[in-house]
Amino acid sequence: MITAKEVQVDGRPALLTVPTDEPVRAGVVALHGSGNSSYRQVIFEHLANTLAPLGVAVLSFEREPWPRDDVDIPYDVQAAGAVAAYQVLKSYYDVPTGFWGVSQGTWIAALAAQRLPETAFMLLLGCSGVSPAEQMRHATIESVRRAGYDEAAVAGAVEIRDQVADLLRGKIDRAPVDELLRRQADQPWFDLAGIPVDLGDELPLWHEIDFASEPLYATVTCPVLLIHGEDEANLPVPETLEVWRRAAAASGNTQIESVRIPGVGHWPGSPDRSLEGISADYTAILRDWTSRFLTR
């Protein structure tokens, strides 16, 4: 049995889920992907339902809003929120506490752990070892190919991605990028590039477009579980695991494990993203690793 109560992190709503029939032996803070700042979402509910019965306090929190509708909230801002949530959880239960993160949240978990050397562990779902720009480039290539288009279409979509990225970096002028978007807008694969025809009057900011993962991961010394779907298309898994291998060699961390979830991609379940559709294999992976951690 588990119970949940509303708490606060920096004045924003949060949810603390704990076991009712087990002592609290560890804690974990749940960290968001890029597209959802809510403290109540399916993937967090699943985490709490899976880990709390084992004796883990699970804290999810509302991410701090950002004044502009940017591509992402600056990672430093998100990491500060993660640290604040960690401290709130520790104020309730002084137990070994770590982070669970999904997608963009895996970078935030590592940044928060860098600020909190006492971080007990990290559970990273859909972690990328390349920069956000490289990740999105990879995702675009996979998206176009999996839709059945030829390599000319792949090249066209990648050109759009690369040109817009260089525009956001300030390396090129806007006029040729606008012309490229207008010229390619009628292509049947255009929407798969993930860029609108009209970029608008005010360009979005992509704060961490070239964020370097490897130096950050080389600061991680706690146990880490890397979880990827076998059908992952959003990021290059082999390159990511190689980055973690080099980072672990640099830090001397021998406590890094990697697992793949059969039959799923970036999301660990059915395309409808329902609680019921989350992979039983993913649930078992979380439960098995956490049970082993609790008996160390």
C-alpha atoms as a PDB file:
ATOM      1  CA  MET A   1       0.000   0.000   0.000  1.00  0.00           C
ATOM      2  CA  ILE A   2       1.071   3.573  -0.640  1.00  0.00           C
ATOM      3  CA  THR A   3      -0.165   7.007   0.301  1.00  0.00           C
ATOM      4  CA  ALA A   4       0.384  10.403  -1.310  1.00  0.00           C
ATOM      5  CA  LYS A   5       0.202  13.884   0.105  1.00  0.00           C
ATOM      6  CA  GLU A   6       0.497  17.344  -1.388  1.00  0.00           C
ATOM      7  CA  VAL A   7       3.602  19.281  -0.373  1.00  0.00           C
ATOM      8  CA  GLN A   8       5.489  22.240  -1.864  1.00  0.00           C
ATOM      9  CA  VAL A   9       8.838  22.878  -3.517  1.00  0.00           C
ATOM     10  CA  ASP A  10       9.797  26.549  -3.681  1.00  0.00           C
ATOM     11  CA  GLY A  11       6.132  27.466  -3.277  1.00  0.00           C
ATOM     12  CA  ARG A  12       4.978  25.250  -6.161  1.00  0.00           C
ATOM     13  CA  PRO A  13       2.825  22.130  -5.809  1.00  0.00           C
ATOM     14  CA  ALA A  14       4.491  18.764  -5.343  1.00  0.00           C
ATOM     15  CA  LEU A  15       3.399  15.239  -4.510  1.00  0.00           C
ATOM     16  CA  LEU A  16       5.146  12.969  -2.014  1.00  0.00           C
ATOM     17  CA  THR A  17       4.242   9.285  -2.286  1.00  0.00           C
ATOM     18  CA  VAL A  18       5.380   6.892   0.436  1.00  0.00           C
ATOM     19  CA  PRO A  19       4.769   3.305   1.524  1.00  0.00           C
ATOM     20  CA  THR A  20       2.225   2.640   4.233  1.00  0.00           C
ATOM     21  CA  ASP A  21       3.312  -0.923   5.076  1.00  0.00           C
ATOM     22  CA  GLU A  22       7.087  -0.499   4.723  1.00  0.00           C
ATOM     23  CA  PRO A  23       9.617   1.811   6.342  1.00  0.00           C
ATOM     24  CA  VAL A  24      10.992   4.503   4.040  1.00  0.00           C
ATOM     25  CA  ARG A  25      14.494   3.317   3.173  1.00  0.00           C
ATOM     26  CA  ALA A  26      15.332   5.567   0.224  1.00  0.00           C
ATOM     27  CA  GLY A  27      14.003   8.555  -1.684  1.00  0.00           C
ATOM     28  CA  VAL A  28      13.877   9.630  -5.316  1.00  0.00           C
ATOM     29  CA  VAL A  29      13.046  12.932  -7.009  1.00  0.00           C
ATOM     30  CA  ALA A  30      11.321  12.683 -10.405  1.00  0.00           C
ATOM     31  CA  LEU A  31      12.582  15.028 -13.129  1.00  0.00           C
ATOM     32  CA  HIS A  32      10.683  16.180 -16.206  1.00  0.00           C
ATOM     33  CA  GLY A  33      11.119  15.720 -19.913  1.00  0.00           C
ATOM     34  CA  SER A  34      11.147  18.869 -22.023  1.00  0.00           C
ATOM     35  CA  GLY A  35       7.468  19.012 -22.914  1.00  0.00           C
ATOM     36  CA  ASN A  36       5.633  18.670 -19.599  1.00  0.00           C
ATOM     37  CA  SER A  37       6.272  20.704 -16.435  1.00  0.00           C
ATOM     38  CA  SER A  38       3.438  19.198 -14.384  1.00  0.00           C
ATOM     39  CA  TYR A  39       4.014  17.364 -11.135  1.00  0.00           C
ATOM     40  CA  ARG A  40       1.134  15.062 -12.011  1.00  0.00           C
ATOM     41  CA  GLN A  41       1.836  13.009 -15.127  1.00  0.00           C
ATOM     42  CA  VAL A  42       1.573   9.366 -16.083  1.00  0.00           C
ATOM     43  CA  ILE A  43       5.272   8.557 -15.980  1.00  0.00           C
ATOM     44  CA  PHE A  44       5.587  10.033 -12.472  1.00  0.00           C
ATOM     45  CA  GLU A  45       2.515   8.149 -11.259  1.00  0.00           C
ATOM     46  CA  HIS A  46       3.984   4.923 -12.587  1.00  0.00           C
ATOM     47  CA  LEU A  47       7.286   5.620 -10.839  1.00  0.00           C
ATOM     48  CA  ALA A  48       5.521   6.186  -7.518  1.00  0.00           C
ATOM     49  CA  ASN A  49       3.292   3.119  -7.930  1.00  0.00           C
ATOM     50  CA  THR A  50       6.343   0.975  -8.691  1.00  0.00           C
ATOM     51  CA  LEU A  51       8.894   2.191  -6.155  1.00  0.00           C
ATOM     52  CA  ALA A  52       6.890   3.357  -3.135  1.00  0.00           C
ATOM     53  CA  PRO A  53       5.717  -0.187  -2.224  1.00  0.00           C
ATOM     54  CA  LEU A  54       9.397  -1.186  -2.033  1.00  0.00           C
ATOM     55  CA  GLY A  55      10.117   1.442   0.625  1.00  0.00           C
ATOM     56  CA  VAL A  56      11.024   4.428  -1.529  1.00  0.00           C
ATOM     57  CA  ALA A  57       9.603   7.934  -1.011  1.00  0.00           C
ATOM     58  CA  VAL A  58       8.904   9.427  -4.452  1.00  0.00           C
ATOM     59  CA  LEU A  59       8.666  13.209  -4.884  1.00  0.00           C
ATOM     60  CA  SER A  60       7.363  14.860  -8.043  1.00  0.00           C
ATOM     61  CA  PHE A  61       7.116  18.639  -8.298  1.00  0.00           C
ATOM     62  CA  GLU A  62       5.839  21.395 -10.563  1.00  0.00           C
ATOM     63  CA  ARG A  63       8.741  22.708 -12.595  1.00  0.00           C
ATOM     64  CA  GLU A  64       9.456  26.428 -12.365  1.00  0.00           C
ATOM     65  CA  PRO A  65       7.746  28.338 -15.202  1.00  0.00           C
ATOM     66  CA  TRP A  66       9.844  30.309 -17.651  1.00  0.00           C
ATOM     67  CA  PRO A  67       8.758  33.751 -18.911  1.00  0.00           C
ATOM     68  CA  ARG A  68       9.234  32.843 -22.581  1.00  0.00           C
ATOM     69  CA  ASP A  69       7.924  29.889 -24.533  1.00  0.00           C
ATOM     70  CA  ASP A  70      11.453  28.771 -25.400  1.00  0.00           C
ATOM     71  CA  VAL A  71      12.621  25.426 -26.701  1.00  0.00           C
ATOM     72  CA  ASP A  72      13.563  24.529 -23.160  1.00  0.00           C
ATOM     73  CA  ILE A  73      13.951  26.042 -19.720  1.00  0.00           C
ATOM     74  CA  PRO A  74      17.643  26.724 -18.983  1.00  0.00           C
ATOM     75  CA  TYR A  75      19.235  23.659 -17.472  1.00  0.00           C
ATOM     76  CA  ASP A  76      20.709  25.615 -14.561  1.00  0.00           C
ATOM     77  CA  VAL A  77      17.199  26.759 -13.626  1.00  0.00           C
ATOM     78  CA  GLN A  78      15.912  23.204 -13.816  1.00  0.00           C
ATOM     79  CA  ALA A  79      18.853  21.871 -11.806  1.00  0.00           C
ATOM     80  CA  ALA A  80      18.198  24.425  -9.070  1.00  0.00           C
ATOM     81  CA  GLY A  81      14.617  23.162  -8.893  1.00  0.00           C
ATOM     82  CA  ALA A  82      15.841  19.575  -8.687  1.00  0.00           C
ATOM     83  CA  VAL A  83      18.159  20.458  -5.805  1.00  0.00           C
ATOM     84  CA  ALA A  84      15.320  22.222  -3.984  1.00  0.00           C
ATOM     85  CA  ALA A  85      13.080  19.169  -4.425  1.00  0.00           C
ATOM     86  CA  TYR A  86      15.849  16.898  -3.143  1.00  0.00           C
ATOM     87  CA  GLN A  87      16.174  19.034  -0.024  1.00  0.00           C
ATOM     88  CA  VAL A  88      12.422  18.965   0.570  1.00  0.00           C
ATOM     89  CA  LEU A  89      12.363  15.173   0.351  1.00  0.00           C
ATOM     90  CA  LYS A  90      15.328  14.912   2.715  1.00  0.00           C
ATOM     91  CA  SER A  91      13.536  17.187   5.196  1.00  0.00           C
ATOM     92  CA  TYR A  92      10.802  14.548   5.448  1.00  0.00           C
ATOM     93  CA  TYR A  93      12.981  11.431   5.283  1.00  0.00           C
ATOM     94  CA  ASP A  94      16.713  11.485   5.957  1.00  0.00           C
ATOM     95  CA  VAL A  95      17.452   8.453   3.785  1.00  0.00           C
ATOM     96  CA  PRO A  96      19.716   7.831   0.752  1.00  0.00           C
ATOM     97  CA  THR A  97      18.118   9.893  -1.998  1.00  0.00           C
ATOM     98  CA  GLY A  98      18.648  10.006  -5.737  1.00  0.00           C
ATOM     99  CA  PHE A  99      17.101  11.177  -8.990  1.00  0.00           C
ATOM    100  CA  TRP A 100      14.962   9.604 -11.678  1.00  0.00           C
ATOM    101  CA  GLY A 101      14.872  11.538 -14.947  1.00  0.00           C
ATOM    102  CA  VAL A 102      13.279  11.073 -18.345  1.00  0.00           C
ATOM    103  CA  SER A 103      14.732  12.417 -21.610  1.00  0.00           C
ATOM    104  CA  GLN A 104      15.858  16.023 -20.947  1.00  0.00           C
ATOM    105  CA  GLY A 105      15.450  15.298 -17.244  1.00  0.00           C
ATOM    106  CA  THR A 106      18.411  12.918 -17.396  1.00  0.00           C
ATOM    107  CA  TRP A 107      20.747  15.854 -18.028  1.00  0.00           C
ATOM    108  CA  ILE A 108      19.102  17.691 -15.137  1.00  0.00           C
ATOM    109  CA  ALA A 109      19.602  14.702 -12.859  1.00  0.00           C
ATOM    110  CA  ALA A 110      23.331  14.680 -13.605  1.00  0.00           C
ATOM    111  CA  LEU A 111      23.597  18.443 -13.076  1.00  0.00           C
ATOM    112  CA  ALA A 112      21.775  18.179  -9.744  1.00  0.00           C
ATOM    113  CA  ALA A 113      23.999  15.274  -8.685  1.00  0.00           C
ATOM    114  CA  GLN A 114      27.030  17.400  -9.517  1.00  0.00           C
ATOM    115  CA  ARG A 115      25.740  19.986  -7.015  1.00  0.00           C
ATOM    116  CA  LEU A 116      24.853  17.310  -4.463  1.00  0.00           C
ATOM    117  CA  PRO A 117      27.797  14.928  -4.024  1.00  0.00           C
ATOM    118  CA  GLU A 118      25.728  12.914  -1.560  1.00  0.00           C
ATOM    119  CA  THR A 119      23.310  11.873  -4.352  1.00  0.00           C
ATOM    120  CA  ALA A 120      22.727   8.157  -3.780  1.00  0.00           C
ATOM    121  CA  PHE A 121      21.819   7.017  -7.305  1.00  0.00           C
ATOM    122  CA  MET A 122      20.390   8.017 -10.678  1.00  0.00           C
ATOM    123  CA  LEU A 123      17.755   6.206 -12.752  1.00  0.00           C
ATOM    124  CA  LEU A 124      17.929   7.645 -16.279  1.00  0.00           C
ATOM    125  CA  LEU A 125      15.251   6.832 -18.847  1.00  0.00           C
ATOM    126  CA  GLY A 126      16.009   7.866 -22.432  1.00  0.00           C
ATOM    127  CA  CYS A 127      19.351   9.454 -21.583  1.00  0.00           C
ATOM    128  CA  SER A 128      21.339  11.100 -24.394  1.00  0.00           C
ATOM    129  CA  GLY A 129      25.117  11.269 -24.570  1.00  0.00           C
ATOM    130  CA  VAL A 130      25.179  13.747 -27.444  1.00  0.00           C
ATOM    131  CA  SER A 131      24.215  17.425 -27.471  1.00  0.00           C
ATOM    132  CA  PRO A 132      20.567  18.482 -27.818  1.00  0.00           C
ATOM    133  CA  ALA A 133      21.266  19.668 -31.373  1.00  0.00           C
ATOM    134  CA  GLU A 134      22.861  16.331 -32.296  1.00  0.00           C
ATOM    135  CA  GLN A 135      20.022  14.459 -30.611  1.00  0.00           C
ATOM    136  CA  MET A 136      17.362  16.312 -32.605  1.00  0.00           C
ATOM    137  CA  ARG A 137      19.357  15.834 -35.805  1.00  0.00           C
ATOM    138  CA  HIS A 138      19.412  12.091 -35.146  1.00  0.00           C
ATOM    139  CA  ALA A 139      15.693  12.066 -34.330  1.00  0.00           C
ATOM    140  CA  THR A 140      14.924  13.894 -37.595  1.00  0.00           C
ATOM    141  CA  ILE A 141      16.913  11.387 -39.642  1.00  0.00           C
ATOM    142  CA  GLU A 142      15.202   8.447 -37.975  1.00  0.00           C
ATOM    143  CA  SER A 143      11.766  10.013 -38.307  1.00  0.00           C
ATOM    144  CA  VAL A 144      12.113  10.602 -42.061  1.00  0.00           C
ATOM    145  CA  ARG A 145      13.632   7.186 -42.732  1.00  0.00           C
ATOM    146  CA  ARG A 146      11.035   5.337 -40.677  1.00  0.00           C
ATOM    147  CA  ALA A 147       8.289   7.144 -42.565  1.00  0.00           C
ATOM    148  CA  GLY A 148       9.623   5.464 -45.724  1.00  0.00           C
ATOM    149  CA  TYR A 149      11.268   8.423 -47.467  1.00  0.00           C
ATOM    150  CA  ASP A 150      14.509   8.176 -49.441  1.00  0.00           C
ATOM    151  CA  GLU A 151      17.909   9.607 -48.570  1.00  0.00           C
ATOM    152  CA  ALA A 152      17.237  12.753 -50.598  1.00  0.00           C
ATOM    153  CA  ALA A 153      14.358  13.505 -48.242  1.00  0.00           C
ATOM    154  CA  VAL A 154      16.599  12.761 -45.256  1.00  0.00           C
ATOM    155  CA  ALA A 155      19.189  15.202 -46.589  1.00  0.00           C
ATOM    156  CA  GLY A 156      16.532  17.873 -47.103  1.00  0.00           C
ATOM    157  CA  ALA A 157      15.186  17.524 -43.576  1.00  0.00           C
ATOM    158  CA  VAL A 158      18.691  17.542 -42.088  1.00  0.00           C
ATOM    159  CA  GLU A 159      19.548  20.696 -44.047  1.00  0.00           C
ATOM    160  CA  ILE A 160      16.576  22.430 -42.451  1.00  0.00           C
ATOM    161  CA  ARG A 161      17.597  21.257 -38.982  1.00  0.00           C
ATOM    162  CA  ASP A 162      21.210  22.322 -39.469  1.00  0.00           C
ATOM    163  CA  GLN A 163      20.350  25.721 -40.917  1.00  0.00           C
ATOM    164  CA  VAL A 164      17.890  26.575 -38.152  1.00  0.00           C
ATOM    165  CA  ALA A 165      20.382  25.413 -35.528  1.00  0.00           C
ATOM    166  CA  ASP A 166      23.061  27.687 -36.992  1.00  0.00           C
ATOM    167  CA  LEU A 167      20.568  30.555 -37.061  1.00  0.00           C
ATOM    168  CA  LEU A 168      19.836  30.048 -33.360  1.00  0.00           C
ATOM    169  CA  ARG A 169      23.574  29.914 -32.699  1.00  0.00           C
ATOM    170  CA  GLY A 170      23.895  33.296 -34.432  1.00  0.00           C
ATOM    171  CA  LYS A 171      26.182  31.905 -37.134  1.00  0.00           C
ATOM    172  CA  ILE A 172      24.044  32.784 -40.156  1.00  0.00           C
ATOM    173  CA  ASP A 173      21.478  35.392 -41.187  1.00  0.00           C
ATOM    174  CA  ARG A 174      17.778  34.721 -41.138  1.00  0.00           C
ATOM    175  CA  ALA A 175      16.867  35.531 -44.757  1.00  0.00           C
ATOM    176  CA  PRO A 176      18.354  32.384 -46.350  1.00  0.00           C
ATOM    177  CA  VAL A 177      16.795  30.213 -43.638  1.00  0.00           C
ATOM    178  CA  ASP A 178      13.338  31.697 -44.264  1.00  0.00           C
ATOM    179  CA  GLU A 179      13.831  31.127 -47.993  1.00  0.00           C
ATOM    180  CA  LEU A 180      14.853  27.494 -47.404  1.00  0.00           C
ATOM    181  CA  LEU A 181      11.764  26.863 -45.277  1.00  0.00           C
ATOM    182  CA  ARG A 182       9.461  28.392 -47.894  1.00  0.00           C
ATOM    183  CA  ARG A 183      11.113  26.372 -50.668  1.00  0.00           C
ATOM    184  CA  GLN A 184      10.785  23.067 -48.840  1.00  0.00           C
ATOM    185  CA  ALA A 185       7.389  23.639 -47.201  1.00  0.00           C
ATOM    186  CA  ASP A 186       5.490  21.660 -49.835  1.00  0.00           C
ATOM    187  CA  GLN A 187       7.615  18.555 -49.472  1.00  0.00           C
ATOM    188  CA  PRO A 188       5.604  15.635 -48.054  1.00  0.00           C
ATOM    189  CA  TRP A 189       8.289  15.030 -45.411  1.00  0.00           C
ATOM    190  CA  PHE A 190       8.543  18.670 -44.274  1.00  0.00           C
ATOM    191  CA  ASP A 191       6.634  18.300 -40.987  1.00  0.00           C
ATOM    192  CA  LEU A 192       8.992  15.498 -39.925  1.00  0.00           C
ATOM    193  CA  ALA A 193      11.820  18.030 -39.654  1.00  0.00           C
ATOM    194  CA  GLY A 194       9.975  19.511 -36.651  1.00  0.00           C
ATOM    195  CA  ILE A 195      10.439  23.128 -37.784  1.00  0.00           C
ATOM    196  CA  PRO A 196       7.527  25.477 -38.667  1.00  0.00           C
ATOM    197  CA  VAL A 197       7.425  27.256 -42.038  1.00  0.00           C
ATOM    198  CA  ASP A 198       7.235  30.617 -40.242  1.00  0.00           C
ATOM    199  CA  LEU A 199       9.719  31.013 -37.396  1.00  0.00           C
ATOM    200  CA  GLY A 200       7.842  34.075 -36.137  1.00  0.00           C
ATOM    201  CA  ASP A 201       8.939  37.580 -35.282  1.00  0.00           C
ATOM    202  CA  GLU A 202      10.884  36.576 -32.186  1.00  0.00           C
ATOM    203  CA  LEU A 203      13.206  33.616 -32.622  1.00  0.00           C
ATOM    204  CA  PRO A 204      13.043  30.998 -29.882  1.00  0.00           C
ATOM    205  CA  LEU A 205      16.031  30.597 -27.594  1.00  0.00           C
ATOM    206  CA  TRP A 206      17.730  27.235 -27.353  1.00  0.00           C
ATOM    207  CA  HIS A 207      19.898  27.782 -24.316  1.00  0.00           C
ATOM    208  CA  GLU A 208      21.702  24.443 -24.313  1.00  0.00           C
ATOM    209  CA  ILE A 209      21.774  23.702 -28.036  1.00  0.00           C
ATOM    210  CA  ASP A 210      25.391  22.473 -27.840  1.00  0.00           C
ATOM    211  CA  PHE A 211      25.355  21.230 -24.254  1.00  0.00           C
ATOM    212  CA  ALA A 212      28.282  18.823 -23.708  1.00  0.00           C
ATOM    213  CA  SER A 213      27.165  15.656 -21.929  1.00  0.00           C
ATOM    214  CA  GLU A 214      30.447  13.814 -21.503  1.00  0.00           C
ATOM    215  CA  PRO A 215      32.236  16.245 -19.143  1.00  0.00           C
ATOM    216  CA  LEU A 216      29.121  16.291 -16.972  1.00  0.00           C
ATOM    217  CA  TYR A 217      28.782  12.516 -16.869  1.00  0.00           C
ATOM    218  CA  ALA A 218      32.460  12.268 -15.917  1.00  0.00           C
ATOM    219  CA  THR A 219      31.562  13.982 -12.617  1.00  0.00           C
ATOM    220  CA  VAL A 220      29.049  11.264 -11.678  1.00  0.00           C
ATOM    221  CA  THR A 221      30.277   8.859  -8.993  1.00  0.00           C
ATOM    222  CA  CYS A 222      27.027   7.312  -7.717  1.00  0.00           C
ATOM    223  CA  PRO A 223      25.309   4.165  -9.051  1.00  0.00           C
ATOM    224  CA  VAL A 224      23.552   4.808 -12.382  1.00  0.00           C
ATOM    225  CA  LEU A 225      20.984   2.792 -14.304  1.00  0.00           C
ATOM    226  CA  LEU A 226      20.673   3.735 -17.992  1.00  0.00           C
ATOM    227  CA  ILE A 227      17.365   2.623 -19.495  1.00  0.00           C
ATOM    228  CA  HIS A 228      16.642   2.792 -23.240  1.00  0.00           C
ATOM    229  CA  GLY A 229      13.953   1.289 -25.408  1.00  0.00           C
ATOM    230  CA  GLU A 230      15.151  -1.289 -27.934  1.00  0.00           C
ATOM    231  CA  ASP A 231      13.371   0.729 -30.630  1.00  0.00           C
ATOM    232  CA  GLU A 232      14.742   4.127 -29.491  1.00  0.00           C
ATOM    233  CA  ALA A 233      14.623   6.632 -32.372  1.00  0.00           C
ATOM    234  CA  ASN A 234      15.051   9.956 -30.564  1.00  0.00           C
ATOM    235  CA  LEU A 235      18.722   9.543 -29.728  1.00  0.00           C
ATOM    236  CA  PRO A 236      21.730   7.412 -30.706  1.00  0.00           C
ATOM    237  CA  VAL A 237      21.986   4.738 -28.023  1.00  0.00           C
ATOM    238  CA  PRO A 238      25.371   3.210 -29.035  1.00  0.00           C
ATOM    239  CA  GLU A 239      27.023   6.643 -29.055  1.00  0.00           C
ATOM    240  CA  THR A 240      25.408   7.457 -25.704  1.00  0.00           C
ATOM    241  CA  LEU A 241      26.681   4.267 -24.089  1.00  0.00           C
ATOM    242  CA  GLU A 242      30.166   4.937 -25.458  1.00  0.00           C
ATOM    243  CA  VAL A 243      30.086   8.434 -23.929  1.00  0.00           C
ATOM    244  CA  TRP A 244      29.113   6.930 -20.580  1.00  0.00           C
ATOM    245  CA  ARG A 245      31.879   4.320 -20.915  1.00  0.00           C
ATOM    246  CA  ARG A 246      34.494   7.030 -21.394  1.00  0.00           C
ATOM    247  CA  ALA A 247      32.988   9.166 -18.623  1.00  0.00           C
ATOM    248  CA  ALA A 248      33.031   6.217 -16.232  1.00  0.00           C
ATOM    249  CA  ALA A 249      36.670   5.528 -17.076  1.00  0.00           C
ATOM    250  CA  ALA A 250      37.496   9.160 -16.339  1.00  0.00           C
ATOM    251  CA  SER A 251      35.648   9.213 -13.012  1.00  0.00           C
ATOM    252  CA  GLY A 252      36.458   5.680 -11.914  1.00  0.00           C
ATOM    253  CA  ASN A 253      32.748   4.935 -11.525  1.00  0.00           C
ATOM    254  CA  THR A 254      32.228   1.169 -11.731  1.00  0.00           C
ATOM    255  CA  GLN A 255      28.547   1.329 -10.774  1.00  0.00           C
ATOM    256  CA  ILE A 256      26.938   2.054 -14.141  1.00  0.00           C
ATOM    257  CA  GLU A 257      24.474  -0.409 -15.658  1.00  0.00           C
ATOM    258  CA  SER A 258      22.644  -0.292 -18.983  1.00  0.00           C
ATOM    259  CA  VAL A 259      19.435  -2.092 -19.948  1.00  0.00           C
ATOM    260  CA  ARG A 260      17.127  -2.075 -22.968  1.00  0.00           C
ATOM    261  CA  ILE A 261      13.332  -2.356 -22.802  1.00  0.00           C
ATOM    262  CA  PRO A 262      11.950  -4.761 -25.420  1.00  0.00           C
ATOM    263  CA  GLY A 263       9.277  -3.524 -27.792  1.00  0.00           C
ATOM    264  CA  VAL A 264       9.313   0.212 -26.985  1.00  0.00           C
ATOM    265  CA  GLY A 265      11.028   3.382 -28.137  1.00  0.00           C
ATOM    266  CA  HIS A 266      11.668   6.648 -26.307  1.00  0.00           C
ATOM    267  CA  TRP A 267       8.451   6.283 -24.313  1.00  0.00           C
ATOM    268  CA  PRO A 268       8.434   3.076 -22.225  1.00  0.00           C
ATOM    269  CA  GLY A 269       5.021   1.896 -23.306  1.00  0.00           C
ATOM    270  CA  SER A 270       2.188   2.122 -25.806  1.00  0.00           C
ATOM    271  CA  PRO A 271       1.876   5.161 -28.113  1.00  0.00           C
ATOM    272  CA  ASP A 272      -1.192   6.425 -26.238  1.00  0.00           C
ATOM    273  CA  ARG A 273       1.060   7.073 -23.213  1.00  0.00           C
ATOM    274  CA  SER A 274      -1.483   5.612 -20.832  1.00  0.00           C
ATOM    275  CA  LEU A 275      -0.617   4.290 -17.402  1.00  0.00           C
ATOM    276  CA  GLU A 276      -1.989   0.897 -18.374  1.00  0.00           C
ATOM    277  CA  GLY A 277       0.160   0.807 -21.507  1.00  0.00           C
ATOM    278  CA  ILE A 278       3.513   1.207 -19.755  1.00  0.00           C
ATOM    279  CA  SER A 279       5.777  -1.754 -20.436  1.00  0.00           C
ATOM    280  CA  ALA A 280       5.779  -4.539 -17.861  1.00  0.00           C
ATOM    281  CA  ASP A 281       9.463  -5.029 -18.704  1.00  0.00           C
ATOM    282  CA  TYR A 282      10.190  -1.402 -17.766  1.00  0.00           C
ATOM    283  CA  THR A 283       8.318  -1.880 -14.489  1.00  0.00           C
ATOM    284  CA  ALA A 284      10.318  -5.016 -13.736  1.00  0.00           C
ATOM    285  CA  ILE A 285      13.622  -3.252 -14.561  1.00  0.00           C
ATOM    286  CA  LEU A 286      12.843  -0.454 -12.097  1.00  0.00           C
ATOM    287  CA  ARG A 287      11.681  -2.832  -9.418  1.00  0.00           C
ATOM    288  CA  ASP A 288      14.649  -5.200  -9.770  1.00  0.00           C
ATOM    289  CA  TRP A 289      17.330  -2.503  -9.736  1.00  0.00           C
ATOM    290  CA  THR A 290      15.762  -0.683  -6.780  1.00  0.00           C
ATOM    291  CA  SER A 291      15.353  -3.888  -4.781  1.00  0.00           C
ATOM    292  CA  ARG A 292      19.031  -4.647  -5.298  1.00  0.00           C
ATOM    293  CA  PHE A 293      19.999  -1.108  -4.298  1.00  0.00           C
ATOM    294  CA  LEU A 294      17.964  -1.319  -1.095  1.00  0.00           C
ATOM    295  CA  THR A 295      19.728  -4.506  -0.009  1.00  0.00           C
ATOM    296  CA  ARG A 296      23.295  -3.189  -0.504  1.00  0.00           C
END
